Amino acid sequence: MKIYYVYILKCKDDSYYIGITSNLTQRITEHNTGKDKGSYTYNKRPVILKWFAEFTDVNLAIQKEKQLKGWSRRKKQALIEEDWDKLVEFSKNYTEYGRQ
């Protein structure tokens, strides 16, 4: 059974990068070594793995990646910090907190 990972990296400039891979260790190494000069993380190295989830269904992994990419920075931080109350609060009060 193949495992897929959706992950959040924190970049040197404090931005977040969200991706999907079937080999998490190798992919983080690729981000940090600058394998792809055209990638988002190339000029934002080093990157640090902050969060990941495992999936056995690639379609669910892709769906989760797309969902997370649409989240505000605050919501991503709440997920990384496992602050479930804030995650719910930021989900319910989108108009109050915006996409920050």
PDB file of N, CA and C in Angstrom:
ATOM      1  N   MET A   1       0.851  -1.175   0.000  1.00  0.00           N
ATOM      2  CA  MET A   1       0.000   0.000   0.000  1.00  0.00           C
ATOM      3  C   MET A   1       0.900   1.242   0.000  1.00  0.00           C
ATOM      4  N   LYS A   2       0.651   2.130  -0.940  1.00  0.00           N
ATOM      5  CA  LYS A   2       1.432   3.348  -1.059  1.00  0.00           C
ATOM      6  C   LYS A   2       0.883   4.416  -0.111  1.00  0.00           C
ATOM      7  N   ILE A   3       1.796   5.142   0.506  1.00  0.00           N
ATOM      8  CA  ILE A   3       1.430   6.223   1.426  1.00  0.00           C
ATOM      9  C   ILE A   3       1.760   7.550   0.751  1.00  0.00           C
ATOM     10  N   TYR A   4       0.849   8.502   0.900  1.00  0.00           N
ATOM     11  CA  TYR A   4       1.046   9.856   0.392  1.00  0.00           C
ATOM     12  C   TYR A   4       1.034  10.810   1.576  1.00  0.00           C
ATOM     13  N   TYR A   5       1.847  11.830   1.482  1.00  0.00           N
ATOM     14  CA  TYR A   5       1.975  12.799   2.557  1.00  0.00           C
ATOM     15  C   TYR A   5       1.592  14.187   2.053  1.00  0.00           C
ATOM     16  N   VAL A   6       0.774  14.867   2.828  1.00  0.00           N
ATOM     17  CA  VAL A   6       0.527  16.290   2.619  1.00  0.00           C
ATOM     18  C   VAL A   6       1.299  16.969   3.740  1.00  0.00           C
ATOM     19  N   TYR A   7       2.038  18.006   3.376  1.00  0.00           N
ATOM     20  CA  TYR A   7       2.942  18.597   4.355  1.00  0.00           C
ATOM     21  C   TYR A   7       2.942  20.119   4.277  1.00  0.00           C
ATOM     22  N   ILE A   8       3.324  20.721   5.401  1.00  0.00           N
ATOM     23  CA  ILE A   8       3.507  22.170   5.474  1.00  0.00           C
ATOM     24  C   ILE A   8       4.947  22.433   5.890  1.00  0.00           C
ATOM     25  N   LEU A   9       5.618  23.246   5.088  1.00  0.00           N
ATOM     26  CA  LEU A   9       6.977  23.681   5.399  1.00  0.00           C
ATOM     27  C   LEU A   9       6.953  25.150   5.794  1.00  0.00           C
ATOM     28  N   LYS A  10       7.794  25.514   6.727  1.00  0.00           N
ATOM     29  CA  LYS A  10       8.001  26.922   7.038  1.00  0.00           C
ATOM     30  C   LYS A  10       9.300  27.335   6.363  1.00  0.00           C
ATOM     31  N   CYS A  11       9.212  28.371   5.576  1.00  0.00           N
ATOM     32  CA  CYS A  11      10.364  28.847   4.811  1.00  0.00           C
ATOM     33  C   CYS A  11      11.150  29.888   5.597  1.00  0.00           C
ATOM     34  N   LYS A  12      12.354  30.155   5.124  1.00  0.00           N
ATOM     35  CA  LYS A  12      13.244  31.122   5.765  1.00  0.00           C
ATOM     36  C   LYS A  12      12.593  32.495   5.905  1.00  0.00           C
ATOM     37  N   ASP A  13      11.722  32.858   4.951  1.00  0.00           N
ATOM     38  CA  ASP A  13      11.058  34.170   5.004  1.00  0.00           C
ATOM     39  C   ASP A  13       9.766  34.141   5.818  1.00  0.00           C
ATOM     40  N   ASP A  14       9.539  33.064   6.572  1.00  0.00           N
ATOM     41  CA  ASP A  14       8.365  32.858   7.427  1.00  0.00           C
ATOM     42  C   ASP A  14       7.092  32.533   6.656  1.00  0.00           C
ATOM     43  N   SER A  15       7.175  32.348   5.357  1.00  0.00           N
ATOM     44  CA  SER A  15       5.996  31.919   4.599  1.00  0.00           C
ATOM     45  C   SER A  15       5.836  30.409   4.753  1.00  0.00           C
ATOM     46  N   TYR A  16       4.668  29.914   4.382  1.00  0.00           N
ATOM     47  CA  TYR A  16       4.403  28.483   4.422  1.00  0.00           C
ATOM     48  C   TYR A  16       4.293  27.947   3.001  1.00  0.00           C
ATOM     49  N   TYR A  17       4.777  26.729   2.829  1.00  0.00           N
ATOM     50  CA  TYR A  17       4.637  26.021   1.563  1.00  0.00           C
ATOM     51  C   TYR A  17       3.897  24.732   1.860  1.00  0.00           C
ATOM     52  N   ILE A  18       2.909  24.413   1.044  1.00  0.00           N
ATOM     53  CA  ILE A  18       2.130  23.190   1.213  1.00  0.00           C
ATOM     54  C   ILE A  18       2.344  22.320  -0.015  1.00  0.00           C
ATOM     55  N   GLY A  19       2.619  21.046   0.226  1.00  0.00           N
ATOM     56  CA  GLY A  19       2.869  20.140  -0.885  1.00  0.00           C
ATOM     57  C   GLY A  19       2.371  18.737  -0.603  1.00  0.00           C
ATOM     58  N   ILE A  20       2.561  17.882  -1.595  1.00  0.00           N
ATOM     59  CA  ILE A  20       2.179  16.468  -1.504  1.00  0.00           C
ATOM     60  C   ILE A  20       3.311  15.640  -2.091  1.00  0.00           C
ATOM     61  N   THR A  21       3.558  14.488  -1.493  1.00  0.00           N
ATOM     62  CA  THR A  21       4.620  13.604  -1.961  1.00  0.00           C
ATOM     63  C   THR A  21       4.361  12.183  -1.477  1.00  0.00           C
ATOM     64  N   SER A  22       5.056  11.242  -2.094  1.00  0.00           N
ATOM     65  CA  SER A  22       4.998   9.864  -1.604  1.00  0.00           C
ATOM     66  C   SER A  22       6.266   9.496  -0.831  1.00  0.00           C
ATOM     67  N   ASN A  23       7.241  10.414  -0.802  1.00  0.00           N
ATOM     68  CA  ASN A  23       8.471  10.188  -0.037  1.00  0.00           C
ATOM     69  C   ASN A  23       8.826  11.490   0.676  1.00  0.00           C
ATOM     70  N   LEU A  24       8.372  11.627   1.892  1.00  0.00           N
ATOM     71  CA  LEU A  24       8.497  12.883   2.629  1.00  0.00           C
ATOM     72  C   LEU A  24       9.954  13.268   2.894  1.00  0.00           C
ATOM     73  N   THR A  25      10.758  12.332   3.334  1.00  0.00           N
ATOM     74  CA  THR A  25      12.158  12.625   3.640  1.00  0.00           C
ATOM     75  C   THR A  25      12.902  13.112   2.401  1.00  0.00           C
ATOM     76  N   GLN A  26      12.721  12.404   1.313  1.00  0.00           N
ATOM     77  CA  GLN A  26      13.388  12.780   0.063  1.00  0.00           C
ATOM     78  C   GLN A  26      12.914  14.147  -0.419  1.00  0.00           C
ATOM     79  N   ARG A  27      11.617  14.401  -0.310  1.00  0.00           N
ATOM     80  CA  ARG A  27      11.074  15.665  -0.820  1.00  0.00           C
ATOM     81  C   ARG A  27      11.593  16.859  -0.025  1.00  0.00           C
ATOM     82  N   ILE A  28      11.689  16.733   1.293  1.00  0.00           N
ATOM     83  CA  ILE A  28      12.216  17.831   2.106  1.00  0.00           C
ATOM     84  C   ILE A  28      13.681  18.074   1.766  1.00  0.00           C
ATOM     85  N   THR A  29      14.425  16.997   1.559  1.00  0.00           N
ATOM     86  CA  THR A  29      15.823  17.129   1.130  1.00  0.00           C
ATOM     87  C   THR A  29      15.901  17.870  -0.189  1.00  0.00           C
ATOM     88  N   GLU A  30      15.016  17.547  -1.132  1.00  0.00           N
ATOM     89  CA  GLU A  30      14.996  18.233  -2.430  1.00  0.00           C
ATOM     90  C   GLU A  30      14.701  19.724  -2.262  1.00  0.00           C
ATOM     91  N   HIS A  31      13.756  20.041  -1.388  1.00  0.00           N
ATOM     92  CA  HIS A  31      13.462  21.459  -1.122  1.00  0.00           C
ATOM     93  C   HIS A  31      14.706  22.164  -0.580  1.00  0.00           C
ATOM     94  N   ASN A  32      15.382  21.542   0.370  1.00  0.00           N
ATOM     95  CA  ASN A  32      16.516  22.187   1.031  1.00  0.00           C
ATOM     96  C   ASN A  32      17.786  22.227   0.191  1.00  0.00           C
ATOM     97  N   THR A  33      17.921  21.325  -0.757  1.00  0.00           N
ATOM     98  CA  THR A  33      19.103  21.351  -1.624  1.00  0.00           C
ATOM     99  C   THR A  33      18.868  22.192  -2.867  1.00  0.00           C
ATOM    100  N   GLY A  34      17.640  22.625  -3.085  1.00  0.00           N
ATOM    101  CA  GLY A  34      17.345  23.468  -4.231  1.00  0.00           C
ATOM    102  C   GLY A  34      17.333  22.707  -5.543  1.00  0.00           C
ATOM    103  N   LYS A  35      16.754  21.538  -5.543  1.00  0.00           N
ATOM    104  CA  LYS A  35      16.716  20.698  -6.744  1.00  0.00           C
ATOM    105  C   LYS A  35      16.082  21.416  -7.936  1.00  0.00           C
ATOM    106  N   ASP A  36      15.016  22.170  -7.686  1.00  0.00           N
ATOM    107  CA  ASP A  36      14.293  22.851  -8.766  1.00  0.00           C
ATOM    108  C   ASP A  36      14.421  24.360  -8.592  1.00  0.00           C
ATOM    109  N   LYS A  37      15.204  24.999  -9.459  1.00  0.00           N
ATOM    110  CA  LYS A  37      15.435  26.444  -9.354  1.00  0.00           C
ATOM    111  C   LYS A  37      14.161  27.255  -9.546  1.00  0.00           C
ATOM    112  N   GLY A  38      13.156  26.689 -10.167  1.00  0.00           N
ATOM    113  CA  GLY A  38      11.908  27.401 -10.397  1.00  0.00           C
ATOM    114  C   GLY A  38      10.877  27.213  -9.297  1.00  0.00           C
ATOM    115  N   SER A  39      11.225  26.457  -8.267  1.00  0.00           N
ATOM    116  CA  SER A  39      10.243  26.167  -7.222  1.00  0.00           C
ATOM    117  C   SER A  39      10.081  27.346  -6.259  1.00  0.00           C
ATOM    118  N   TYR A  40       8.947  27.372  -5.598  1.00  0.00           N
ATOM    119  CA  TYR A  40       8.632  28.425  -4.623  1.00  0.00           C
ATOM    120  C   TYR A  40       9.687  28.499  -3.524  1.00  0.00           C
ATOM    121  N   THR A  41      10.162  27.358  -3.081  1.00  0.00           N
ATOM    122  CA  THR A  41      11.058  27.323  -1.926  1.00  0.00           C
ATOM    123  C   THR A  41      12.519  27.577  -2.267  1.00  0.00           C
ATOM    124  N   TYR A  42      12.868  27.628  -3.536  1.00  0.00           N
ATOM    125  CA  TYR A  42      14.277  27.724  -3.931  1.00  0.00           C
ATOM    126  C   TYR A  42      15.005  28.887  -3.247  1.00  0.00           C
ATOM    127  N   ASN A  43      14.427  30.072  -3.271  1.00  0.00           N
ATOM    128  CA  ASN A  43      15.060  31.248  -2.656  1.00  0.00           C
ATOM    129  C   ASN A  43      14.624  31.471  -1.210  1.00  0.00           C
ATOM    130  N   LYS A  44      13.949  30.486  -0.638  1.00  0.00           N
ATOM    131  CA  LYS A  44      13.429  30.618   0.725  1.00  0.00           C
ATOM    132  C   LYS A  44      13.982  29.528   1.645  1.00  0.00           C
ATOM    133  N   ARG A  45      15.126  28.989   1.259  1.00  0.00           N
ATOM    134  CA  ARG A  45      15.753  27.921   2.032  1.00  0.00           C
ATOM    135  C   ARG A  45      16.587  28.499   3.162  1.00  0.00           C
ATOM    136  N   PRO A  46      16.751  27.757   4.252  1.00  0.00           N
ATOM    137  CA  PRO A  46      16.245  26.411   4.466  1.00  0.00           C
ATOM    138  C   PRO A  46      14.763  26.397   4.832  1.00  0.00           C
ATOM    139  N   VAL A  47      14.156  25.236   4.618  1.00  0.00           N
ATOM    140  CA  VAL A  47      12.761  25.035   5.008  1.00  0.00           C
ATOM    141  C   VAL A  47      12.727  24.033   6.151  1.00  0.00           C
ATOM    142  N   ILE A  48      11.685  24.142   6.961  1.00  0.00           N
ATOM    143  CA  ILE A  48      11.524  23.253   8.117  1.00  0.00           C
ATOM    144  C   ILE A  48      10.143  22.620   8.044  1.00  0.00           C
ATOM    145  N   LEU A  49      10.088  21.315   8.192  1.00  0.00           N
ATOM    146  CA  LEU A  49       8.809  20.607   8.225  1.00  0.00           C
ATOM    147  C   LEU A  49       8.079  20.974   9.507  1.00  0.00           C
ATOM    148  N   LYS A  50       6.855  21.492   9.367  1.00  0.00           N
ATOM    149  CA  LYS A  50       6.075  21.895  10.531  1.00  0.00           C
ATOM    150  C   LYS A  50       4.883  20.981  10.797  1.00  0.00           C
ATOM    151  N   TRP A  51       4.374  20.338   9.726  1.00  0.00           N
ATOM    152  CA  TRP A  51       3.176  19.499   9.877  1.00  0.00           C
ATOM    153  C   TRP A  51       3.090  18.555   8.696  1.00  0.00           C
ATOM    154  N   PHE A  52       2.539  17.359   8.930  1.00  0.00           N
ATOM    155  CA  PHE A  52       2.238  16.459   7.820  1.00  0.00           C
ATOM    156  C   PHE A  52       1.126  15.502   8.220  1.00  0.00           C
ATOM    157  N   ALA A  53       0.476  14.958   7.210  1.00  0.00           N
ATOM    158  CA  ALA A  53      -0.549  13.936   7.410  1.00  0.00           C
ATOM    159  C   ALA A  53      -0.335  12.854   6.363  1.00  0.00           C
ATOM    160  N   GLU A  54      -0.665  11.620   6.720  1.00  0.00           N
ATOM    161  CA  GLU A  54      -0.515  10.472   5.823  1.00  0.00           C
ATOM    162  C   GLU A  54      -1.857  10.078   5.236  1.00  0.00           C
ATOM    163  N   PHE A  55      -1.832   9.665   3.979  1.00  0.00           N
ATOM    164  CA  PHE A  55      -3.031   9.205   3.277  1.00  0.00           C
ATOM    165  C   PHE A  55      -2.687   7.964   2.463  1.00  0.00           C
ATOM    166  N   THR A  56      -3.645   7.055   2.356  1.00  0.00           N
ATOM    167  CA  THR A  56      -3.473   5.901   1.480  1.00  0.00           C
ATOM    168  C   THR A  56      -4.189   6.108   0.157  1.00  0.00           C
ATOM    169  N   ASP A  57      -5.018   7.119   0.086  1.00  0.00           N
ATOM    170  CA  ASP A  57      -5.754   7.454  -1.138  1.00  0.00           C
ATOM    171  C   ASP A  57      -5.208   8.766  -1.686  1.00  0.00           C
ATOM    172  N   VAL A  58      -4.585   8.706  -2.863  1.00  0.00           N
ATOM    173  CA  VAL A  58      -3.973   9.906  -3.440  1.00  0.00           C
ATOM    174  C   VAL A  58      -5.005  11.005  -3.679  1.00  0.00           C
ATOM    175  N   ASN A  59      -6.224  10.647  -4.009  1.00  0.00           N
ATOM    176  CA  ASN A  59      -7.262  11.652  -4.247  1.00  0.00           C
ATOM    177  C   ASN A  59      -7.615  12.421  -2.983  1.00  0.00           C
ATOM    178  N   LEU A  60      -7.656  11.728  -1.852  1.00  0.00           N
ATOM    179  CA  LEU A  60      -7.903  12.412  -0.579  1.00  0.00           C
ATOM    180  C   LEU A  60      -6.726  13.313  -0.214  1.00  0.00           C
ATOM    181  N   ALA A  61      -5.526  12.866  -0.520  1.00  0.00           N
ATOM    182  CA  ALA A  61      -4.342  13.680  -0.242  1.00  0.00           C
ATOM    183  C   ALA A  61      -4.369  14.960  -1.078  1.00  0.00           C
ATOM    184  N   ILE A  62      -4.702  14.841  -2.340  1.00  0.00           N
ATOM    185  CA  ILE A  62      -4.789  16.009  -3.213  1.00  0.00           C
ATOM    186  C   ILE A  62      -5.870  16.964  -2.722  1.00  0.00           C
ATOM    187  N   GLN A  63      -6.991  16.400  -2.304  1.00  0.00           N
ATOM    188  CA  GLN A  63      -8.093  17.219  -1.776  1.00  0.00           C
ATOM    189  C   GLN A  63      -7.641  17.990  -0.535  1.00  0.00           C
ATOM    190  N   LYS A  64      -6.911  17.336   0.361  1.00  0.00           N
ATOM    191  CA  LYS A  64      -6.423  17.986   1.586  1.00  0.00           C
ATOM    192  C   LYS A  64      -5.407  19.073   1.248  1.00  0.00           C
ATOM    193  N   GLU A  65      -4.517  18.801   0.298  1.00  0.00           N
ATOM    194  CA  GLU A  65      -3.536  19.807  -0.115  1.00  0.00           C
ATOM    195  C   GLU A  65      -4.239  21.060  -0.630  1.00  0.00           C
ATOM    196  N   LYS A  66      -5.222  20.885  -1.478  1.00  0.00           N
ATOM    197  CA  LYS A  66      -5.962  22.024  -2.024  1.00  0.00           C
ATOM    198  C   LYS A  66      -6.703  22.778  -0.923  1.00  0.00           C
ATOM    199  N   GLN A  67      -7.289  22.045   0.018  1.00  0.00           N
ATOM    200  CA  GLN A  67      -7.998  22.672   1.128  1.00  0.00           C
ATOM    201  C   GLN A  67      -7.049  23.549   1.939  1.00  0.00           C
ATOM    202  N   LEU A  68      -5.887  23.000   2.306  1.00  0.00           N
ATOM    203  CA  LEU A  68      -4.931  23.741   3.124  1.00  0.00           C
ATOM    204  C   LEU A  68      -4.397  24.971   2.396  1.00  0.00           C
ATOM    205  N   LYS A  69      -4.198  24.866   1.100  1.00  0.00           N
ATOM    206  CA  LYS A  69      -3.711  26.008   0.321  1.00  0.00           C
ATOM    207  C   LYS A  69      -4.707  27.164   0.341  1.00  0.00           C
ATOM    208  N   GLY A  70      -5.969  26.864   0.569  1.00  0.00           N
ATOM    209  CA  GLY A  70      -6.995  27.896   0.636  1.00  0.00           C
ATOM    210  C   GLY A  70      -7.173  28.510   2.017  1.00  0.00           C
ATOM    211  N   TRP A  71      -6.495  27.956   3.005  1.00  0.00           N
ATOM    212  CA  TRP A  71      -6.632  28.442   4.371  1.00  0.00           C
ATOM    213  C   TRP A  71      -5.821  29.713   4.604  1.00  0.00           C
ATOM    214  N   SER A  72      -6.271  30.502   5.568  1.00  0.00           N
ATOM    215  CA  SER A  72      -5.523  31.685   5.989  1.00  0.00           C
ATOM    216  C   SER A  72      -4.263  31.243   6.735  1.00  0.00           C
ATOM    217  N   ARG A  73      -3.325  32.152   6.851  1.00  0.00           N
ATOM    218  CA  ARG A  73      -2.099  31.873   7.596  1.00  0.00           C
ATOM    219  C   ARG A  73      -2.414  31.514   9.045  1.00  0.00           C
ATOM    220  N   ARG A  74      -3.344  32.241   9.660  1.00  0.00           N
ATOM    221  CA  ARG A  74      -3.714  31.964  11.060  1.00  0.00           C
ATOM    222  C   ARG A  74      -4.264  30.555  11.232  1.00  0.00           C
ATOM    223  N   LYS A  75      -5.053  30.132  10.284  1.00  0.00           N
ATOM    224  CA  LYS A  75      -5.625  28.798  10.359  1.00  0.00           C
ATOM    225  C   LYS A  75      -4.535  27.729  10.209  1.00  0.00           C
ATOM    226  N   LYS A  76      -3.588  27.965   9.305  1.00  0.00           N
ATOM    227  CA  LYS A  76      -2.467  27.034   9.142  1.00  0.00           C
ATOM    228  C   LYS A  76      -1.643  26.974  10.425  1.00  0.00           C
ATOM    229  N   GLN A  77      -1.402  28.121  11.044  1.00  0.00           N
ATOM    230  CA  GLN A  77      -0.641  28.152  12.293  1.00  0.00           C
ATOM    231  C   GLN A  77      -1.375  27.388  13.398  1.00  0.00           C
ATOM    232  N   ALA A  78      -2.690  27.558  13.464  1.00  0.00           N
ATOM    233  CA  ALA A  78      -3.472  26.836  14.480  1.00  0.00           C
ATOM    234  C   ALA A  78      -3.358  25.328  14.262  1.00  0.00           C
ATOM    235  N   LEU A  79      -3.384  24.890  13.016  1.00  0.00           N
ATOM    236  CA  LEU A  79      -3.221  23.457  12.717  1.00  0.00           C
ATOM    237  C   LEU A  79      -1.839  22.979  13.152  1.00  0.00           C
ATOM    238  N   ILE A  80      -0.812  23.719  12.777  1.00  0.00           N
ATOM    239  CA  ILE A  80       0.561  23.351  13.140  1.00  0.00           C
ATOM    240  C   ILE A  80       0.715  23.267  14.655  1.00  0.00           C
ATOM    241  N   GLU A  81       0.114  24.207  15.364  1.00  0.00           N
ATOM    242  CA  GLU A  81       0.218  24.254  16.825  1.00  0.00           C
ATOM    243  C   GLU A  81      -0.778  23.326  17.518  1.00  0.00           C
ATOM    244  N   GLU A  82      -1.605  22.662  16.724  1.00  0.00           N
ATOM    245  CA  GLU A  82      -2.655  21.780  17.244  1.00  0.00           C
ATOM    246  C   GLU A  82      -3.560  22.509  18.221  1.00  0.00           C
ATOM    247  N   ASP A  83      -3.837  23.757  17.909  1.00  0.00           N
ATOM    248  CA  ASP A  83      -4.742  24.576  18.722  1.00  0.00           C
ATOM    249  C   ASP A  83      -6.132  24.487  18.093  1.00  0.00           C
ATOM    250  N   TRP A  84      -6.869  23.455  18.484  1.00  0.00           N
ATOM    251  CA  TRP A  84      -8.144  23.137  17.843  1.00  0.00           C
ATOM    252  C   TRP A  84      -9.189  24.216  18.084  1.00  0.00           C
ATOM    253  N   ASP A  85      -9.137  24.866  19.252  1.00  0.00           N
ATOM    254  CA  ASP A  85     -10.092  25.944  19.521  1.00  0.00           C
ATOM    255  C   ASP A  85      -9.897  27.108  18.549  1.00  0.00           C
ATOM    256  N   LYS A  86      -8.659  27.510  18.348  1.00  0.00           N
ATOM    257  CA  LYS A  86      -8.390  28.598  17.403  1.00  0.00           C
ATOM    258  C   LYS A  86      -8.721  28.184  15.972  1.00  0.00           C
ATOM    259  N   LEU A  87      -8.446  26.939  15.647  1.00  0.00           N
ATOM    260  CA  LEU A  87      -8.753  26.462  14.299  1.00  0.00           C
ATOM    261  C   LEU A  87     -10.246  26.591  14.024  1.00  0.00           C
ATOM    262  N   VAL A  88     -11.054  26.201  14.978  1.00  0.00           N
ATOM    263  CA  VAL A  88     -12.505  26.332  14.843  1.00  0.00           C
ATOM    264  C   VAL A  88     -12.898  27.808  14.808  1.00  0.00           C
ATOM    265  N   GLU A  89     -12.317  28.598  15.701  1.00  0.00           N
ATOM    266  CA  GLU A  89     -12.636  30.030  15.756  1.00  0.00           C
ATOM    267  C   GLU A  89     -12.317  30.720  14.433  1.00  0.00           C
ATOM    268  N   PHE A  90     -11.151  30.454  13.879  1.00  0.00           N
ATOM    269  CA  PHE A  90     -10.758  31.090  12.619  1.00  0.00           C
ATOM    270  C   PHE A  90     -11.597  30.575  11.449  1.00  0.00           C
ATOM    271  N   SER A  91     -12.125  29.376  11.572  1.00  0.00           N
ATOM    272  CA  SER A  91     -12.997  28.841  10.529  1.00  0.00           C
ATOM    273  C   SER A  91     -14.360  29.515  10.551  1.00  0.00           C
ATOM    274  N   LYS A  92     -14.876  29.772  11.748  1.00  0.00           N
ATOM    275  CA  LYS A  92     -16.206  30.360  11.893  1.00  0.00           C
ATOM    276  C   LYS A  92     -16.204  31.858  11.676  1.00  0.00           C
ATOM    277  N   ASN A  93     -15.088  32.520  11.972  1.00  0.00           N
ATOM    278  CA  ASN A  93     -15.033  33.974  11.935  1.00  0.00           C
ATOM    279  C   ASN A  93     -14.165  34.482  10.791  1.00  0.00           C
ATOM    280  N   TYR A  94     -14.333  33.904   9.623  1.00  0.00           N
ATOM    281  CA  TYR A  94     -13.518  34.276   8.470  1.00  0.00           C
ATOM    282  C   TYR A  94     -13.637  35.768   8.162  1.00  0.00           C
ATOM    283  N   THR A  95     -14.848  36.304   8.212  1.00  0.00           N
ATOM    284  CA  THR A  95     -15.025  37.721   7.883  1.00  0.00           C
ATOM    285  C   THR A  95     -14.360  38.620   8.917  1.00  0.00           C
ATOM    286  N   GLU A  96     -14.273  38.160  10.160  1.00  0.00           N
ATOM    287  CA  GLU A  96     -13.640  38.956  11.213  1.00  0.00           C
ATOM    288  C   GLU A  96     -12.112  38.915  11.091  1.00  0.00           C
ATOM    289  N   TYR A  97     -11.565  37.723  10.796  1.00  0.00           N
ATOM    290  CA  TYR A  97     -10.113  37.554  10.796  1.00  0.00           C
ATOM    291  C   TYR A  97      -9.488  37.667   9.420  1.00  0.00           C
ATOM    292  N   GLY A  98     -10.263  37.520   8.371  1.00  0.00           N
ATOM    293  CA  GLY A  98      -9.746  37.635   7.015  1.00  0.00           C
ATOM    294  C   GLY A  98      -8.760  36.539   6.688  1.00  0.00           C
ATOM    295  N   ARG A  99      -7.960  36.756   5.656  1.00  0.00           N
ATOM    296  CA  ARG A  99      -7.021  35.743   5.174  1.00  0.00           C
ATOM    297  C   ARG A  99      -5.627  35.905   5.753  1.00  0.00           C
ATOM    298  N   GLN A 100      -5.478  36.615   6.838  1.00  0.00           N
ATOM    299  CA  GLN A 100      -4.146  36.839   7.412  1.00  0.00           C
ATOM    300  C   GLN A 100      -3.533  35.559   7.895  1.00  0.00           C
TER     301      GLN A 100
END
